């Protein structure tokens, strides 16, 4: 597979389990082979204390958190972590 760069934005609600008030809390670029690979990389980066960037002010990624993948002209996708894994969602969930 071809490795591409993905522009990633992590959204979290102010409190765990809140469904409204999502805010962009961190942005980064990830090299990955696919969206699935990208989501796994982001999850492991922000859930292993030694891998978390020093300027990150959020909490560990948990159920309900949203990752926005921007591929420029190729499209934009939002994924929310749900009990069964990452699910593609509509932008309307971000308020």
N, C-alpha and C. Protein backbone atom coordinates (compact mmCIF):
# COMPACT_ATOMS: atom_id res chain seq x y z
N UNK A 1 0.83 -1.19 0.00
CA UNK A 1 0.00 0.00 0.00
C UNK A 1 0.87 1.25 0.00
N UNK A 2 0.27 2.33 -0.41
CA UNK A 2 0.96 3.62 -0.46
C UNK A 2 0.74 4.36 0.85
N UNK A 3 1.82 4.87 1.42
CA UNK A 3 1.74 5.66 2.64
C UNK A 3 1.44 7.10 2.26
N UNK A 4 0.41 7.68 2.92
CA UNK A 4 0.01 9.07 2.67
C UNK A 4 0.08 9.86 3.97
N UNK A 5 0.14 11.17 3.84
CA UNK A 5 0.06 12.04 5.00
C UNK A 5 -1.38 12.46 5.22
N UNK A 6 -1.84 12.34 6.44
CA UNK A 6 -3.19 12.74 6.80
C UNK A 6 -3.12 13.88 7.81
N UNK A 7 -3.93 14.91 7.59
CA UNK A 7 -4.06 16.02 8.52
C UNK A 7 -5.15 15.63 9.52
N UNK A 8 -4.78 15.52 10.79
CA UNK A 8 -5.66 15.00 11.82
C UNK A 8 -5.99 16.08 12.84
N UNK A 9 -7.25 16.16 13.23
CA UNK A 9 -7.66 17.01 14.34
C UNK A 9 -8.44 16.14 15.32
N UNK A 10 -8.07 16.21 16.59
CA UNK A 10 -8.73 15.46 17.65
C UNK A 10 -9.72 16.37 18.36
N UNK A 11 -10.97 15.91 18.47
CA UNK A 11 -12.02 16.66 19.16
C UNK A 11 -12.41 15.92 20.42
N UNK A 12 -12.55 16.66 21.51
CA UNK A 12 -13.05 16.08 22.76
C UNK A 12 -14.07 17.03 23.37
N UNK A 13 -15.06 16.45 24.06
CA UNK A 13 -16.03 17.24 24.82
C UNK A 13 -15.36 17.64 26.13
N UNK A 14 -15.84 18.72 26.76
CA UNK A 14 -15.22 19.17 28.00
C UNK A 14 -15.15 18.11 29.09
N UNK A 15 -16.16 17.27 29.19
CA UNK A 15 -16.18 16.21 30.19
C UNK A 15 -16.42 14.86 29.52
N UNK A 16 -15.86 13.83 30.12
CA UNK A 16 -16.04 12.47 29.62
C UNK A 16 -17.53 12.16 29.57
N UNK A 17 -18.02 11.55 28.51
CA UNK A 17 -19.40 11.13 28.27
C UNK A 17 -20.34 12.28 27.90
N UNK A 18 -19.86 13.50 27.75
CA UNK A 18 -20.72 14.57 27.26
C UNK A 18 -20.95 14.38 25.79
N UNK A 19 -22.12 14.76 25.30
CA UNK A 19 -22.45 14.59 23.88
C UNK A 19 -22.44 15.90 23.12
N UNK A 20 -22.24 17.01 23.80
CA UNK A 20 -22.22 18.32 23.15
C UNK A 20 -20.98 19.08 23.59
N UNK A 21 -20.67 20.09 22.81
CA UNK A 21 -19.57 20.96 23.19
C UNK A 21 -18.20 20.48 22.75
N UNK A 22 -18.14 19.66 21.72
CA UNK A 22 -16.85 19.17 21.23
C UNK A 22 -15.99 20.34 20.77
N UNK A 23 -14.72 20.30 21.12
CA UNK A 23 -13.77 21.32 20.70
C UNK A 23 -12.53 20.65 20.13
N UNK A 24 -11.94 21.31 19.15
CA UNK A 24 -10.67 20.83 18.60
C UNK A 24 -9.60 21.06 19.67
N UNK A 25 -8.93 19.98 20.08
CA UNK A 25 -7.93 20.14 21.13
C UNK A 25 -6.50 19.86 20.66
N UNK A 26 -6.35 19.19 19.51
CA UNK A 26 -5.00 18.93 19.03
C UNK A 26 -5.02 18.63 17.54
N UNK A 27 -4.00 19.11 16.86
CA UNK A 27 -3.88 18.88 15.42
C UNK A 27 -2.48 18.37 15.12
N UNK A 28 -2.39 17.39 14.23
CA UNK A 28 -1.11 16.82 13.85
C UNK A 28 -1.21 16.17 12.48
N UNK A 29 -0.08 15.80 11.94
CA UNK A 29 -0.01 15.09 10.66
C UNK A 29 0.50 13.68 10.94
N UNK A 30 -0.18 12.71 10.35
CA UNK A 30 0.17 11.30 10.53
C UNK A 30 0.43 10.68 9.16
N UNK A 31 1.47 9.87 9.06
CA UNK A 31 1.72 9.07 7.86
C UNK A 31 1.13 7.69 8.10
N UNK A 32 0.25 7.27 7.17
CA UNK A 32 -0.41 5.98 7.34
C UNK A 32 -0.81 5.44 5.97
N UNK A 33 -1.16 4.16 5.93
CA UNK A 33 -1.56 3.51 4.69
C UNK A 33 -3.05 3.67 4.40
N UNK A 34 -3.85 3.88 5.45
CA UNK A 34 -5.31 3.95 5.29
C UNK A 34 -5.90 4.70 6.48
N UNK A 35 -7.20 4.97 6.40
CA UNK A 35 -7.86 5.61 7.53
C UNK A 35 -7.79 4.71 8.77
N UNK A 36 -7.99 3.42 8.57
CA UNK A 36 -7.94 2.47 9.69
C UNK A 36 -6.56 2.51 10.37
N UNK A 37 -5.52 2.50 9.58
CA UNK A 37 -4.15 2.58 10.09
C UNK A 37 -3.92 3.91 10.81
N UNK A 38 -4.44 4.98 10.24
CA UNK A 38 -4.31 6.31 10.82
C UNK A 38 -5.01 6.38 12.18
N UNK A 39 -6.23 5.87 12.26
CA UNK A 39 -6.97 5.88 13.52
C UNK A 39 -6.25 5.08 14.60
N UNK A 40 -5.69 3.94 14.23
CA UNK A 40 -4.95 3.12 15.18
C UNK A 40 -3.71 3.85 15.68
N UNK A 41 -3.02 4.52 14.78
CA UNK A 41 -1.81 5.27 15.15
C UNK A 41 -2.14 6.40 16.11
N UNK A 42 -3.19 7.15 15.80
CA UNK A 42 -3.60 8.25 16.68
C UNK A 42 -4.02 7.72 18.04
N UNK A 43 -4.82 6.66 18.07
CA UNK A 43 -5.26 6.08 19.34
C UNK A 43 -4.08 5.65 20.19
N UNK A 44 -3.13 4.95 19.60
CA UNK A 44 -1.98 4.48 20.39
C UNK A 44 -1.09 5.64 20.82
N UNK A 45 -1.01 6.69 20.01
CA UNK A 45 -0.18 7.85 20.37
C UNK A 45 -0.73 8.57 21.60
N UNK A 46 -2.05 8.68 21.71
CA UNK A 46 -2.64 9.45 22.80
C UNK A 46 -3.14 8.58 23.96
N UNK A 47 -2.88 7.29 23.93
CA UNK A 47 -3.27 6.43 25.04
C UNK A 47 -2.08 5.72 25.67
N UNK A 48 -0.88 6.05 25.26
CA UNK A 48 0.34 5.52 25.88
C UNK A 48 1.10 6.74 26.42
N UNK A 49 1.22 6.87 27.75
CA UNK A 49 1.81 8.07 28.34
C UNK A 49 3.15 8.50 27.74
N UNK A 50 4.01 7.59 27.39
CA UNK A 50 5.32 7.95 26.84
C UNK A 50 5.25 8.51 25.42
N UNK A 51 4.14 8.31 24.73
CA UNK A 51 4.00 8.78 23.35
C UNK A 51 3.24 10.10 23.22
N UNK A 52 2.58 10.53 24.29
CA UNK A 52 1.76 11.74 24.23
C UNK A 52 2.67 12.96 24.07
N UNK A 53 2.37 13.83 23.08
CA UNK A 53 3.19 15.03 22.88
C UNK A 53 3.15 15.93 24.12
N UNK A 54 4.25 16.59 24.39
CA UNK A 54 4.36 17.42 25.60
C UNK A 54 3.40 18.61 25.59
N UNK A 55 2.98 19.06 24.42
CA UNK A 55 2.06 20.21 24.34
C UNK A 55 0.58 19.81 24.30
N UNK A 56 0.28 18.53 24.48
CA UNK A 56 -1.10 18.04 24.47
C UNK A 56 -1.76 18.35 25.80
N UNK A 57 -2.92 19.01 25.76
CA UNK A 57 -3.62 19.42 26.98
C UNK A 57 -4.91 18.65 27.22
N UNK A 58 -5.20 17.66 26.41
CA UNK A 58 -6.43 16.89 26.56
C UNK A 58 -6.24 15.69 27.47
N UNK A 59 -7.19 14.78 27.40
CA UNK A 59 -7.12 13.54 28.18
C UNK A 59 -6.90 12.37 27.23
N UNK A 60 -6.74 11.18 27.78
CA UNK A 60 -6.62 10.00 26.93
C UNK A 60 -7.83 9.92 26.00
N UNK A 61 -7.66 9.33 24.83
CA UNK A 61 -8.79 9.13 23.91
C UNK A 61 -9.72 8.08 24.51
N UNK A 62 -11.01 8.43 24.52
CA UNK A 62 -12.01 7.54 25.13
C UNK A 62 -13.26 7.50 24.25
N UNK A 63 -14.18 6.63 24.61
CA UNK A 63 -15.44 6.51 23.89
C UNK A 63 -16.11 7.88 23.77
N UNK A 64 -16.53 8.20 22.56
CA UNK A 64 -17.19 9.47 22.29
C UNK A 64 -16.29 10.49 21.62
N UNK A 65 -14.98 10.35 21.74
CA UNK A 65 -14.05 11.29 21.13
C UNK A 65 -14.10 11.16 19.60
N UNK A 66 -13.76 12.25 18.93
CA UNK A 66 -13.87 12.31 17.47
C UNK A 66 -12.53 12.67 16.85
N UNK A 67 -12.21 11.98 15.76
CA UNK A 67 -11.01 12.29 14.98
C UNK A 67 -11.47 12.72 13.59
N UNK A 68 -10.97 13.86 13.18
CA UNK A 68 -11.27 14.43 11.86
C UNK A 68 -10.06 14.19 10.97
N UNK A 69 -10.28 13.53 9.85
CA UNK A 69 -9.21 13.28 8.88
C UNK A 69 -9.48 14.14 7.66
N UNK A 70 -8.57 15.06 7.38
CA UNK A 70 -8.71 15.96 6.24
C UNK A 70 -7.70 15.55 5.17
N UNK A 71 -8.21 15.17 4.01
CA UNK A 71 -7.36 14.81 2.89
C UNK A 71 -7.40 15.86 1.79
N UNK A 72 -7.77 17.08 2.15
CA UNK A 72 -7.83 18.15 1.16
C UNK A 72 -8.88 17.87 0.10
N UNK A 73 -8.46 17.86 -1.14
CA UNK A 73 -9.39 17.63 -2.25
C UNK A 73 -9.97 16.22 -2.27
N UNK A 74 -9.32 15.30 -1.57
CA UNK A 74 -9.79 13.90 -1.55
C UNK A 74 -10.93 13.68 -0.56
N UNK A 75 -11.20 14.66 0.29
CA UNK A 75 -12.34 14.54 1.20
C UNK A 75 -11.99 14.75 2.66
N UNK A 76 -13.05 14.80 3.43
CA UNK A 76 -12.95 15.00 4.86
C UNK A 76 -13.84 13.95 5.53
N UNK A 77 -13.32 13.34 6.59
CA UNK A 77 -14.07 12.30 7.28
C UNK A 77 -13.96 12.50 8.78
N UNK A 78 -15.07 12.20 9.47
CA UNK A 78 -15.11 12.27 10.92
C UNK A 78 -15.38 10.87 11.44
N UNK A 79 -14.58 10.45 12.42
CA UNK A 79 -14.75 9.14 13.04
C UNK A 79 -14.92 9.33 14.54
N UNK A 80 -15.91 8.65 15.10
CA UNK A 80 -16.13 8.71 16.55
C UNK A 80 -15.84 7.35 17.15
N UNK A 81 -15.14 7.38 18.28
CA UNK A 81 -14.85 6.12 18.98
C UNK A 81 -16.09 5.69 19.73
N UNK A 82 -16.60 4.52 19.38
CA UNK A 82 -17.78 3.96 20.02
C UNK A 82 -17.40 2.60 20.60
N UNK A 83 -18.25 2.01 21.44
CA UNK A 83 -17.87 0.74 22.09
C UNK A 83 -17.38 -0.34 21.12
N UNK A 84 -17.85 -0.35 19.88
CA UNK A 84 -17.42 -1.37 18.92
C UNK A 84 -16.22 -0.97 18.08
N UNK A 85 -15.69 0.21 18.30
CA UNK A 85 -14.56 0.70 17.50
C UNK A 85 -14.88 2.05 16.88
N UNK A 86 -14.08 2.44 15.88
CA UNK A 86 -14.26 3.73 15.22
C UNK A 86 -15.37 3.63 14.19
N UNK A 87 -16.33 4.58 14.24
CA UNK A 87 -17.42 4.63 13.28
C UNK A 87 -17.42 5.96 12.55
N UNK A 88 -17.63 5.91 11.24
CA UNK A 88 -17.73 7.11 10.42
C UNK A 88 -19.02 7.84 10.80
N UNK A 89 -18.94 9.15 11.05
CA UNK A 89 -20.11 9.94 11.44
C UNK A 89 -20.22 11.17 10.56
N UNK A 90 -21.36 11.85 10.66
CA UNK A 90 -21.56 13.13 9.97
C UNK A 90 -20.97 14.27 10.80
N UNK A 91 -20.61 15.33 10.13
CA UNK A 91 -20.03 16.49 10.80
C UNK A 91 -21.00 17.09 11.80
N UNK A 92 -22.28 16.86 11.63
CA UNK A 92 -23.30 17.47 12.49
C UNK A 92 -23.10 17.16 13.96
N UNK A 93 -22.36 16.09 14.28
CA UNK A 93 -22.09 15.74 15.67
C UNK A 93 -21.17 16.74 16.36
N UNK A 94 -20.41 17.49 15.58
CA UNK A 94 -19.49 18.50 16.14
C UNK A 94 -20.28 19.78 16.30
N UNK A 95 -20.44 20.26 17.51
CA UNK A 95 -21.19 21.50 17.74
C UNK A 95 -20.35 22.48 18.52
